[in-house]
C-alpha atoms as a PDB file:
ATOM      1  CA  MET A   1      -0.094  -0.124   0.013  1.00  0.00           C
ATOM      2  CA  SER A   2       1.536   3.368  -0.905  1.00  0.00           C
ATOM      3  CA  THR A   3       1.856   5.996   1.487  1.00  0.00           C
ATOM      4  CA  PRO A   4       1.021   9.664   0.958  1.00  0.00           C
ATOM      5  CA  GLY A   5       4.912  10.760   1.237  1.00  0.00           C
ATOM      6  CA  LYS A   6       5.670   7.874  -1.239  1.00  0.00           C
ATOM      7  CA  GLU A   7       2.816   9.306  -3.944  1.00  0.00           C
ATOM      8  CA  ARG A   8       4.514  12.938  -3.582  1.00  0.00           C
ATOM      9  CA  ARG A   9       7.941  11.601  -4.249  1.00  0.00           C
ATOM     10  CA  GLU A  10       6.709   9.548  -7.278  1.00  0.00           C
ATOM     11  CA  ALA A  11       4.539  12.665  -8.583  1.00  0.00           C
ATOM     12  CA  PHE A  12       7.725  14.542  -8.531  1.00  0.00           C
ATOM     13  CA  GLY A  13       9.763  11.743 -10.195  1.00  0.00           C
ATOM     14  CA  ILE A  14      11.667  10.944  -7.243  1.00  0.00           C
ATOM     15  CA  ARG A  15      11.738   7.082  -6.173  1.00  0.00           C
ATOM     16  CA  ASP A  16      12.391   5.923  -2.626  1.00  0.00           C
ATOM     17  CA  GLU A  17      15.837   4.695  -3.609  1.00  0.00           C
ATOM     18  CA  GLU A  18      16.594   8.236  -4.867  1.00  0.00           C
ATOM     19  CA  LYS A  19      15.564  10.041  -1.841  1.00  0.00           C
ATOM     20  CA  GLU A  20      18.958   9.837   0.157  1.00  0.00           C
ATOM     21  CA  GLN A  21      20.924  10.599  -2.961  1.00  0.00           C
ATOM     22  CA  PHE A  22      18.828  13.612  -3.682  1.00  0.00           C
ATOM     23  CA  ILE A  23      19.091  14.928   0.119  1.00  0.00           C
ATOM     24  CA  ASN A  24      23.092  14.295   0.067  1.00  0.00           C
ATOM     25  CA  ASP A  25      23.373  16.249  -3.235  1.00  0.00           C
ATOM     26  CA  LEU A  26      21.112  19.047  -1.769  1.00  0.00           C
ATOM     27  CA  TYR A  27      23.121  19.431   1.401  1.00  0.00           C
ATOM     28  CA  LYS A  28      26.471  19.351  -0.441  1.00  0.00           C
ATOM     29  CA  ALA A  29      25.275  21.965  -2.941  1.00  0.00           C
ATOM     30  CA  ASN A  30      23.996  24.217  -0.053  1.00  0.00           C
ATOM     31  CA  ASN A  31      27.443  23.600   1.920  1.00  0.00           C
ATOM     32  CA  ILE A  32      29.426  24.909  -1.253  1.00  0.00           C
ATOM     33  CA  LEU A  33      27.027  27.800  -1.938  1.00  0.00           C
ATOM     34  CA  GLY A  34      27.006  28.829   1.707  1.00  0.00           C
ATOM     35  CA  MET A  35      30.852  28.634   2.081  1.00  0.00           C
ATOM     36  CA  SER A  36      31.343  30.671  -1.156  1.00  0.00           C
ATOM     37  CA  LEU A  37      28.762  33.286   0.065  1.00  0.00           C
ATOM     38  CA  LEU A  38      30.501  33.324   3.401  1.00  0.00           C
ATOM     39  CA  VAL A  39      33.860  33.918   1.830  1.00  0.00           C
ATOM     40  CA  ALA A  40      32.632  36.748  -0.161  1.00  0.00           C
ATOM     41  CA  SER A  41      30.736  38.429   3.065  1.00  0.00           C
ATOM     42  CA  LEU A  42      33.832  37.976   5.185  1.00  0.00           C
ATOM     43  CA  THR A  43      36.042  39.558   2.550  1.00  0.00           C
ATOM     44  CA  ALA A  44      33.637  42.580   2.161  1.00  0.00           C
ATOM     45  CA  VAL A  45      33.262  42.896   6.025  1.00  0.00           C
ATOM     46  CA  LEU A  46      37.179  42.980   6.363  1.00  0.00           C
ATOM     47  CA  LEU A  47      37.671  45.583   3.457  1.00  0.00           C
ATOM     48  CA  ALA A  48      34.907  48.059   5.108  1.00  0.00           C
ATOM     49  CA  MET A  49      36.762  47.588   8.522  1.00  0.00           C
ATOM     50  CA  VAL A  50      40.222  48.407   6.841  1.00  0.00           C
ATOM     51  CA  ILE A  51      38.447  51.557   5.252  1.00  0.00           C
ATOM     52  CA  TYR A  52      36.974  52.794   8.293  1.00  0.00           C
ATOM     53  CA  SER A  53      40.153  52.034  10.381  1.00  0.00           C
ATOM     54  CA  CYS A  54      42.734  53.793   7.886  1.00  0.00           C
ATOM     55  CA  PHE A  55      40.821  56.968   7.422  1.00  0.00           C
ATOM     56  CA  VAL A  56      40.951  59.176  10.666  1.00  0.00           C
ATOM     57  CA  THR A  57      38.671  61.646   9.320  1.00  0.00           C
ATOM     58  CA  LEU A  58      35.882  59.158   8.992  1.00  0.00           C
ATOM     59  CA  GLN A  59      35.890  58.572  12.986  1.00  0.00           C
ATOM     60  CA  CYS A  60      32.649  59.356  14.771  1.00  0.00           C
ATOM     61  CA  MET A  61      30.358  57.803  17.056  1.00  0.00           C
ATOM     62  CA  ARG A  62      28.263  56.286  14.333  1.00  0.00           C
ATOM     63  CA  VAL A  63      31.362  54.655  12.517  1.00  0.00           C
ATOM     64  CA  THR A  64      32.483  53.175  16.092  1.00  0.00           C
ATOM     65  CA  LEU A  65      29.049  51.659  16.387  1.00  0.00           C
ATOM     66  CA  ILE A  66      29.321  50.146  12.940  1.00  0.00           C
ATOM     67  CA  LYS A  67      32.705  48.982  13.407  1.00  0.00           C
ATOM     68  CA  ASN A  68      31.564  46.934  16.617  1.00  0.00           C
ATOM     69  CA  PHE A  69      28.385  45.633  14.666  1.00  0.00           C
ATOM     70  CA  LEU A  70      30.654  44.453  11.755  1.00  0.00           C
ATOM     71  CA  VAL A  71      33.137  42.927  14.333  1.00  0.00           C
ATOM     72  CA  ALA A  72      30.247  40.762  15.736  1.00  0.00           C
ATOM     73  CA  ILE A  73      29.282  39.672  12.061  1.00  0.00           C
ATOM     74  CA  LEU A  74      32.930  38.777  11.400  1.00  0.00           C
ATOM     75  CA  PHE A  75      33.262  36.541  14.310  1.00  0.00           C
ATOM     76  CA  GLN A  76      29.986  34.988  13.573  1.00  0.00           C
ATOM     77  CA  GLU A  77      30.564  34.317   9.858  1.00  0.00           C
ATOM     78  CA  HIS A  78      34.007  32.798  10.678  1.00  0.00           C
ATOM     79  CA  ILE A  79      32.599  30.408  13.138  1.00  0.00           C
ATOM     80  CA  THR A  80      29.845  29.585  10.559  1.00  0.00           C
ATOM     81  CA  LEU A  81      32.395  28.942   7.819  1.00  0.00           C
ATOM     82  CA  VAL A  82      34.226  26.597  10.234  1.00  0.00           C
ATOM     83  CA  LEU A  83      30.826  24.604  10.824  1.00  0.00           C
ATOM     84  CA  GLN A  84      30.080  24.447   7.324  1.00  0.00           C
ATOM     85  CA  ALA A  85      33.551  23.085   6.286  1.00  0.00           C
ATOM     86  CA  LEU A  86      33.293  20.563   9.013  1.00  0.00           C
ATOM     87  CA  VAL A  87      29.868  19.485   7.702  1.00  0.00           C
ATOM     88  CA  TYR A  88      31.166  19.394   4.300  1.00  0.00           C
ATOM     89  CA  PHE A  89      33.957  17.115   5.212  1.00  0.00           C
ATOM     90  CA  ALA A  90      31.810  14.896   7.579  1.00  0.00           C
ATOM     91  CA  ARG A  91      29.328  14.280   4.584  1.00  0.00           C
ATOM     92  CA  ASN A  92      31.975  13.543   2.063  1.00  0.00           C
ATOM     93  CA  GLU A  93      33.632  11.025   4.331  1.00  0.00           C
ATOM     94  CA  ARG A  94      30.024   9.601   5.054  1.00  0.00           C
ATOM     95  CA  LEU A  95      29.972  10.472   8.439  1.00  0.00           C
ATOM     96  CA  PRO A  96      26.554  11.075  10.365  1.00  0.00           C
ATOM     97  CA  ASP A  97      27.298  14.584  11.489  1.00  0.00           C
ATOM     98  CA  ILE A  98      30.304  16.543  12.772  1.00  0.00           C
ATOM     99  CA  ARG A  99      30.648  15.296  16.222  1.00  0.00           C
ATOM    100  CA  CYS A 100      32.120  11.882  14.596  1.00  0.00           C
ATOM    101  CA  LEU A 101      35.088  13.871  13.740  1.00  0.00           C
ATOM    102  CA  PHE A 102      35.992  14.625  17.266  1.00  0.00           C
ATOM    103  CA  ARG A 103      36.426  12.187  20.512  1.00  0.00           C
ATOM    104  CA  ASN A 104      34.004  14.400  22.392  1.00  0.00           C
ATOM    105  CA  THR A 105      31.442  17.221  21.580  1.00  0.00           C
ATOM    106  CA  SER A 106      32.988  20.042  23.592  1.00  0.00           C
ATOM    107  CA  PHE A 107      34.531  21.527  20.197  1.00  0.00           C
ATOM    108  CA  CYS A 108      31.543  21.580  18.208  1.00  0.00           C
ATOM    109  CA  GLU A 109      29.307  22.629  20.987  1.00  0.00           C
ATOM    110  CA  ALA A 110      31.744  25.659  21.735  1.00  0.00           C
ATOM    111  CA  LEU A 111      31.350  26.579  18.094  1.00  0.00           C
ATOM    112  CA  ILE A 112      27.756  26.292  18.136  1.00  0.00           C
ATOM    113  CA  ALA A 113      27.285  28.466  21.402  1.00  0.00           C
ATOM    114  CA  SER A 114      29.829  31.144  20.172  1.00  0.00           C
ATOM    115  CA  SER A 115      27.817  31.154  16.714  1.00  0.00           C
ATOM    116  CA  LYS A 116      24.629  31.832  18.607  1.00  0.00           C
ATOM    117  CA  TYR A 117      26.189  34.432  20.861  1.00  0.00           C
ATOM    118  CA  PHE A 118      27.431  36.326  17.932  1.00  0.00           C
ATOM    119  CA  GLU A 119      24.166  36.163  15.848  1.00  0.00           C
ATOM    120  CA  LEU A 120      22.447  37.939  18.914  1.00  0.00           C
ATOM    121  CA  THR A 121      25.342  40.433  19.288  1.00  0.00           C
ATOM    122  CA  ALA A 122      25.193  41.698  15.897  1.00  0.00           C
ATOM    123  CA  LEU A 123      21.349  42.273  16.085  1.00  0.00           C
ATOM    124  CA  CYS A 124      22.033  43.846  19.442  1.00  0.00           C
ATOM    125  CA  TRP A 125      24.498  46.147  17.719  1.00  0.00           C
ATOM    126  CA  LEU A 126      21.907  46.933  14.897  1.00  0.00           C
ATOM    127  CA  ALA A 127      19.507  48.056  17.784  1.00  0.00           C
ATOM    128  CA  VAL A 128      22.219  50.330  19.132  1.00  0.00           C
ATOM    129  CA  ILE A 129      23.022  51.846  15.677  1.00  0.00           C
ATOM    130  CA  SER A 130      19.208  52.368  15.417  1.00  0.00           C
ATOM    131  CA  TYR A 131      19.212  54.188  18.865  1.00  0.00           C
ATOM    132  CA  ASN A 132      22.162  56.129  17.668  1.00  0.00           C
ATOM    133  CA  GLN A 133      20.433  57.534  14.691  1.00  0.00           C
ATOM    134  CA  TRP A 134      17.300  58.439  16.614  1.00  0.00           C
ATOM    135  CA  CYS A 135      19.455  60.256  19.049  1.00  0.00           C
ATOM    136  CA  ARG A 136      21.280  62.164  16.379  1.00  0.00           C
ATOM    137  CA  SER A 137      18.001  63.415  14.871  1.00  0.00           C
ATOM    138  CA  LYS A 138      17.121  64.840  18.279  1.00  0.00           C
ATOM    139  CA  PRO A 139      19.836  67.207  19.051  1.00  0.00           C
ATOM    140  CA  LYS A 140      18.938  67.698  22.792  1.00  0.00           C
ATOM    141  CA  LEU A 141      19.626  63.819  23.173  1.00  0.00           C
ATOM    142  CA  ASN A 142      22.696  63.688  20.968  1.00  0.00           C
ATOM    143  CA  ASN A 143      25.274  64.902  23.356  1.00  0.00           C
ATOM    144  CA  ARG A 144      23.982  62.291  26.098  1.00  0.00           C
ATOM    145  CA  PHE A 145      24.871  59.243  24.292  1.00  0.00           C
ATOM    146  CA  ASN A 146      27.276  57.309  26.556  1.00  0.00           C
ATOM    147  CA  PHE A 147      29.677  55.091  24.630  1.00  0.00           C
ATOM    148  CA  LEU A 148      30.746  52.871  27.401  1.00  0.00           C
ATOM    149  CA  THR A 149      27.474  52.060  28.648  1.00  0.00           C
ATOM    150  CA  ILE A 150      26.296  51.153  25.045  1.00  0.00           C
ATOM    151  CA  PHE A 151      29.353  49.032  24.587  1.00  0.00           C
ATOM    152  CA  LEU A 152      28.726  47.024  27.600  1.00  0.00           C
ATOM    153  CA  ILE A 153      25.015  46.672  26.389  1.00  0.00           C
ATOM    154  CA  GLY A 154      26.101  45.531  22.824  1.00  0.00           C
ATOM    155  CA  TRP A 155      28.392  42.867  24.104  1.00  0.00           C
ATOM    156  CA  ILE A 156      27.174  42.130  27.590  1.00  0.00           C
ATOM    157  CA  THR A 157      23.313  41.620  26.959  1.00  0.00           C
ATOM    158  CA  PRO A 158      23.590  38.580  24.516  1.00  0.00           C
ATOM    159  CA  ILE A 159      25.472  36.734  27.057  1.00  0.00           C
ATOM    160  CA  LEU A 160      22.282  36.041  29.164  1.00  0.00           C
ATOM    161  CA  PRO A 161      20.131  34.258  26.632  1.00  0.00           C
ATOM    162  CA  THR A 162      22.976  32.588  25.101  1.00  0.00           C
ATOM    163  CA  ALA A 163      23.820  31.200  28.683  1.00  0.00           C
ATOM    164  CA  VAL A 164      20.236  30.179  29.382  1.00  0.00           C
ATOM    165  CA  TRP A 165      20.254  28.187  26.077  1.00  0.00           C
ATOM    166  CA  VAL A 166      23.518  26.733  26.800  1.00  0.00           C
ATOM    167  CA  GLY A 167      22.416  25.726  30.231  1.00  0.00           C
ATOM    168  CA  LEU A 168      19.334  24.154  28.911  1.00  0.00           C
ATOM    169  CA  MET A 169      21.098  22.016  25.982  1.00  0.00           C
ATOM    170  CA  ALA A 170      23.644  20.968  28.285  1.00  0.00           C
ATOM    171  CA  HIS A 171      20.904  19.684  30.758  1.00  0.00           C
ATOM    172  CA  LYS A 172      18.904  18.089  27.942  1.00  0.00           C
ATOM    173  CA  ASP A 173      21.988  15.998  26.692  1.00  0.00           C
ATOM    174  CA  GLU A 174      23.852  15.284  29.825  1.00  0.00           C
ATOM    175  CA  SER A 175      22.536  11.611  29.449  1.00  0.00           C
ATOM    176  CA  ASP A 176      24.464  11.170  26.376  1.00  0.00           C
ATOM    177  CA  ALA A 177      27.941  12.718  26.051  1.00  0.00           C
ATOM    178  CA  THR A 178      28.290  11.616  22.346  1.00  0.00           C
ATOM    179  CA  LYS A 179      25.599  13.840  21.000  1.00  0.00           C
ATOM    180  CA  CYS A 180      26.304  17.458  19.919  1.00  0.00           C
ATOM    181  CA  TRP A 181      23.703  20.138  20.646  1.00  0.00           C
ATOM    182  CA  PRO A 182      20.687  19.800  18.287  1.00  0.00           C
ATOM    183  CA  GLY A 183      20.918  23.294  16.979  1.00  0.00           C
ATOM    184  CA  HIS A 184      17.987  24.551  14.911  1.00  0.00           C
ATOM    185  CA  ASN A 185      15.892  21.346  15.650  1.00  0.00           C
ATOM    186  CA  SER A 186      15.553  22.513  19.379  1.00  0.00           C
ATOM    187  CA  LYS A 187      12.262  24.188  20.623  1.00  0.00           C
ATOM    188  CA  ALA A 188      14.466  25.738  23.212  1.00  0.00           C
ATOM    189  CA  GLU A 189      16.275  27.671  20.538  1.00  0.00           C
ATOM    190  CA  ILE A 190      13.315  28.901  19.041  1.00  0.00           C
ATOM    191  CA  ALA A 191      11.781  30.034  22.426  1.00  0.00           C
ATOM    192  CA  ILE A 192      14.973  31.529  23.848  1.00  0.00           C
ATOM    193  CA  LEU A 193      17.449  32.537  20.897  1.00  0.00           C
ATOM    194  CA  GLU A 194      14.905  33.281  18.170  1.00  0.00           C
ATOM    195  CA  GLY A 195      12.788  35.314  20.886  1.00  0.00           C
ATOM    196  CA  SER A 196      15.894  37.258  21.742  1.00  0.00           C
ATOM    197  CA  LYS A 197      16.471  37.989  18.186  1.00  0.00           C
ATOM    198  CA  LEU A 198      12.975  39.057  17.671  1.00  0.00           C
ATOM    199  CA  LEU A 199      13.177  41.470  20.657  1.00  0.00           C
ATOM    200  CA  PHE A 200      16.323  43.270  19.391  1.00  0.00           C
ATOM    201  CA  ILE A 201      14.533  43.338  15.860  1.00  0.00           C
ATOM    202  CA  LEU A 202      11.582  45.070  17.290  1.00  0.00           C
ATOM    203  CA  ILE A 203      13.707  47.456  19.189  1.00  0.00           C
ATOM    204  CA  ALA A 204      15.709  48.435  16.064  1.00  0.00           C
ATOM    205  CA  LEU A 205      12.330  48.906  14.319  1.00  0.00           C
ATOM    206  CA  GLY A 206      11.154  51.213  16.852  1.00  0.00           C
ATOM    207  CA  PHE A 207      14.111  53.503  16.925  1.00  0.00           C
ATOM    208  CA  LEU A 208      14.057  53.341  13.224  1.00  0.00           C
ATOM    209  CA  ALA A 209      10.476  54.502  13.105  1.00  0.00           C
ATOM    210  CA  LEU A 210      11.105  57.375  15.510  1.00  0.00           C
ATOM    211  CA  ASN A 211      13.888  58.525  13.572  1.00  0.00           C
ATOM    212  CA  TYR A 212      12.122  58.558  10.262  1.00  0.00           C
ATOM    213  CA  PHE A 213       9.372  60.645  12.078  1.00  0.00           C
ATOM    214  CA  ASN A 214      11.965  63.106  13.428  1.00  0.00           C
ATOM    215  CA  LEU A 215      13.465  63.442  10.088  1.00  0.00           C
ATOM    216  CA  TYR A 216      10.421  63.799   7.944  1.00  0.00           C
ATOM    217  CA  HIS A 217       8.095  65.843  10.282  1.00  0.00           C
ATOM    218  CA  GLY A 218      10.036  66.991  13.032  1.00  0.00           C
ATOM    219  CA  ARG A 219      11.769  70.652  13.154  1.00  0.00           C
ATOM    220  CA  GLU A 220      14.607  70.262  15.708  1.00  0.00           C
ATOM    221  CA  ILE A 221      17.131  70.030  12.951  1.00  0.00           C
ATOM    222  CA  ILE A 222      17.462  73.370  10.914  1.00  0.00           C
ATOM    223  CA  ASN A 223      20.420  72.311   8.574  1.00  0.00           C
ATOM    224  CA  VAL A 224      18.935  70.782   5.429  1.00  0.00           C
ATOM    225  CA  GLU A 225      22.188  68.985   4.321  1.00  0.00           C
ATOM    226  CA  GLU A 226      22.348  67.371   7.805  1.00  0.00           C
ATOM    227  CA  VAL A 227      18.700  66.143   7.512  1.00  0.00           C
ATOM    228  CA  LEU A 228      19.286  64.751   3.829  1.00  0.00           C
ATOM    229  CA  LYS A 229      22.513  62.848   5.160  1.00  0.00           C
ATOM    230  CA  GLN A 230      20.755  61.360   7.832  1.00  0.00           C
ATOM    231  CA  ARG A 231      17.791  60.267   5.951  1.00  0.00           C
ATOM    232  CA  THR A 232      20.200  58.485   3.427  1.00  0.00           C
ATOM    233  CA  GLU A 233      21.974  56.867   6.611  1.00  0.00           C
ATOM    234  CA  SER A 234      18.550  55.865   7.664  1.00  0.00           C
ATOM    235  CA  HIS A 235      17.667  54.080   4.472  1.00  0.00           C
ATOM    236  CA  MET A 236      20.878  52.026   4.548  1.00  0.00           C
ATOM    237  CA  ALA A 237      20.193  50.910   8.177  1.00  0.00           C
ATOM    238  CA  SER A 238      16.499  50.019   7.115  1.00  0.00           C
ATOM    239  CA  CYS A 239      18.019  48.128   4.396  1.00  0.00           C
ATOM    240  CA  VAL A 240      20.399  46.058   6.596  1.00  0.00           C
ATOM    241  CA  TRP A 241      17.293  45.651   9.273  1.00  0.00           C
ATOM    242  CA  PHE A 242      15.174  44.419   6.515  1.00  0.00           C
ATOM    243  CA  TRP A 243      17.688  41.788   5.268  1.00  0.00           C
ATOM    244  CA  PHE A 244      18.432  40.668   8.708  1.00  0.00           C
ATOM    245  CA  THR A 245      14.716  40.326   9.536  1.00  0.00           C
ATOM    246  CA  LEU A 246      13.920  38.595   6.570  1.00  0.00           C
ATOM    247  CA  ALA A 247      16.578  35.922   7.373  1.00  0.00           C
ATOM    248  CA  HIS A 248      15.205  35.655  11.052  1.00  0.00           C
ATOM    249  CA  VAL A 249      11.683  35.194   9.545  1.00  0.00           C
ATOM    250  CA  VAL A 250      12.803  32.740   6.863  1.00  0.00           C
ATOM    251  CA  TYR A 251      14.853  30.707   9.538  1.00  0.00           C
ATOM    252  CA  VAL A 252      11.933  30.418  11.941  1.00  0.00           C
ATOM    253  CA  SER A 253       9.544  29.205   9.210  1.00  0.00           C
ATOM    254  CA  ALA A 254      12.080  26.680   7.926  1.00  0.00           C
ATOM    255  CA  THR A 255      12.587  25.641  11.360  1.00  0.00           C
ATOM    256  CA  HIS A 256       8.633  25.113  11.757  1.00  0.00           C
ATOM    257  CA  ALA A 257       8.434  23.401   8.257  1.00  0.00           C
ATOM    258  CA  GLN A 258      10.722  20.816   9.410  1.00  0.00           C
ATOM    259  CA  TYR A 259       7.976  19.174  11.824  1.00  0.00           C
ATOM    260  CA  HIS A 260       5.581  18.891   8.578  1.00  0.00           C
ATOM    261  CA  PRO A 261       5.882  16.792   5.331  1.00  0.00           C
ATOM    262  CA  LEU A 262       7.460  19.004   2.418  1.00  0.00           C
ATOM    263  CA  ASP A 263       7.718  17.924  -1.248  1.00  0.00           C
ATOM    264  CA  PHE A 264      11.380  17.873  -2.582  1.00  0.00           C
ATOM    265  CA  ARG A 265      10.937  21.245  -4.497  1.00  0.00           C
ATOM    266  CA  SER A 266       9.806  23.210  -1.460  1.00  0.00           C
ATOM    267  CA  MET A 267      12.510  21.687   0.366  1.00  0.00           C
ATOM    268  CA  THR A 268      15.192  22.734  -2.338  1.00  0.00           C
ATOM    269  CA  ALA A 269      13.622  26.067  -2.356  1.00  0.00           C
ATOM    270  CA  TRP A 270      13.778  26.808   1.382  1.00  0.00           C
ATOM    271  CA  SER A 271      16.979  25.376   1.516  1.00  0.00           C
ATOM    272  CA  TYR A 272      18.685  27.569  -1.066  1.00  0.00           C
ATOM    273  CA  ILE A 273      16.778  30.754   0.121  1.00  0.00           C
ATOM    274  CA  LEU A 274      18.011  30.203   3.613  1.00  0.00           C
ATOM    275  CA  THR A 275      21.510  29.773   2.824  1.00  0.00           C
ATOM    276  CA  VAL A 276      21.605  32.719   0.728  1.00  0.00           C
ATOM    277  CA  LEU A 277      19.972  35.008   3.314  1.00  0.00           C
ATOM    278  CA  LEU A 278      22.177  33.568   6.421  1.00  0.00           C
ATOM    279  CA  SER A 279      25.306  33.550   4.577  1.00  0.00           C
ATOM    280  CA  SER A 280      25.123  37.195   2.912  1.00  0.00           C
ATOM    281  CA  GLY A 281      24.493  39.306   5.990  1.00  0.00           C
ATOM    282  CA  GLY A 282      28.175  40.703   6.145  1.00  0.00           C
ATOM    283  CA  LEU A 283      28.126  41.530   2.539  1.00  0.00           C
ATOM    284  CA  VAL A 284      24.898  43.466   2.732  1.00  0.00           C
ATOM    285  CA  ALA A 285      26.008  45.202   6.079  1.00  0.00           C
ATOM    286  CA  ALA A 286      29.382  46.268   4.509  1.00  0.00           C
ATOM    287  CA  THR A 287      27.872  47.564   1.242  1.00  0.00           C
ATOM    288  CA  CYS A 288      25.170  49.391   3.093  1.00  0.00           C
ATOM    289  CA  PHE A 289      26.962  50.972   5.934  1.00  0.00           C
ATOM    290  CA  CYS A 290      30.425  51.509   4.099  1.00  0.00           C
ATOM    291  CA  PHE A 291      30.673  51.024   0.496  1.00  0.00           C
ATOM    292  CA  VAL A 292      27.693  53.367  -0.601  1.00  0.00           C
ATOM    293  CA  ASP A 293      28.249  55.704   2.218  1.00  0.00           C
ATOM    294  CA  GLN A 294      28.598  59.262   1.024  1.00  0.00           C
ATOM    295  CA  ASP A 295      31.416  60.180   3.251  1.00  0.00           C
ATOM    296  CA  VAL A 296      33.442  56.972   2.268  1.00  0.00           C
ATOM    297  CA  ARG A 297      33.042  57.560  -1.406  1.00  0.00           C
ATOM    298  CA  GLU A 298      33.851  61.175  -1.134  1.00  0.00           C
ATOM    299  CA  MET A 299      37.160  60.017   1.075  1.00  0.00           C
ATOM    300  CA  LEU A 300      38.031  57.312  -1.592  1.00  0.00           C
ATOM    301  CA  LYS A 301      37.792  59.686  -4.535  1.00  0.00           C
ATOM    302  CA  SER A 302      40.052  62.392  -2.862  1.00  0.00           C
ATOM    303  CA  TYR A 303      42.499  59.842  -1.550  1.00  0.00           C
ATOM    304  CA  LYS A 304      45.978  60.400  -2.821  1.00  0.00           C
ATOM    305  CA  PRO A 305      48.537  57.656  -1.791  1.00  0.00           C
END
């Protein structure tokens, strides 16, 4: 008697014996695509860091916050690239997963926990950048920006949800020390990590909305050129916010979809879309915050070695 899952696979021209090969090829192609995008993204982030670090005239509070944001992305994507490479190597060796590459799971668990922390940190710094732009649109608040406090918030706040998640995962898997943490298959991650990401995204959205209101309807900034410049910067920050938010939404949707049967075309589409979104964040951030920035372009045009 044929099952609904078997009928769906036959409808798409995929027999039961071809399922495993199809999934292996899909994962392998995704690994290659993800690593390629991560290399391009890391290159863009490093180039943006070099530009912002070499030109003294570009230094300001906004650039300092952007550099912290890029550093968080740099660490997160480096760790993700290592994980992708390990997964690719494990699949080539026909191993079940990367934990089989080590005698214990401490290394892969440390990589996964670090990756989650820097993901949260990047979104936290995006919220801080949005807050700074709102403060700049209100001159009365602009001089009250305390960088030390914001610095501690940006790097310390994400430790709490990451530590809670690590504690839950360690407690859950303490009965079997041979298993690495389940990662995106865990409901605890959806509740703790993805909930924290959503909180930072909503905070950033709130400050961006307030900033737009001040720039388009406020009367506190008299300098027209400054208003136009801040509007452009807000547009770029909104683009970065949209990309990271879209990646978050698609990630949560794909995680939820794992608990429901999908046909192979839907699986392929979800897989490639998710890989592109999660592996290109640094490239989008570097482009919006550095490469298309008016001050950066003017500085590069006038630069004479």
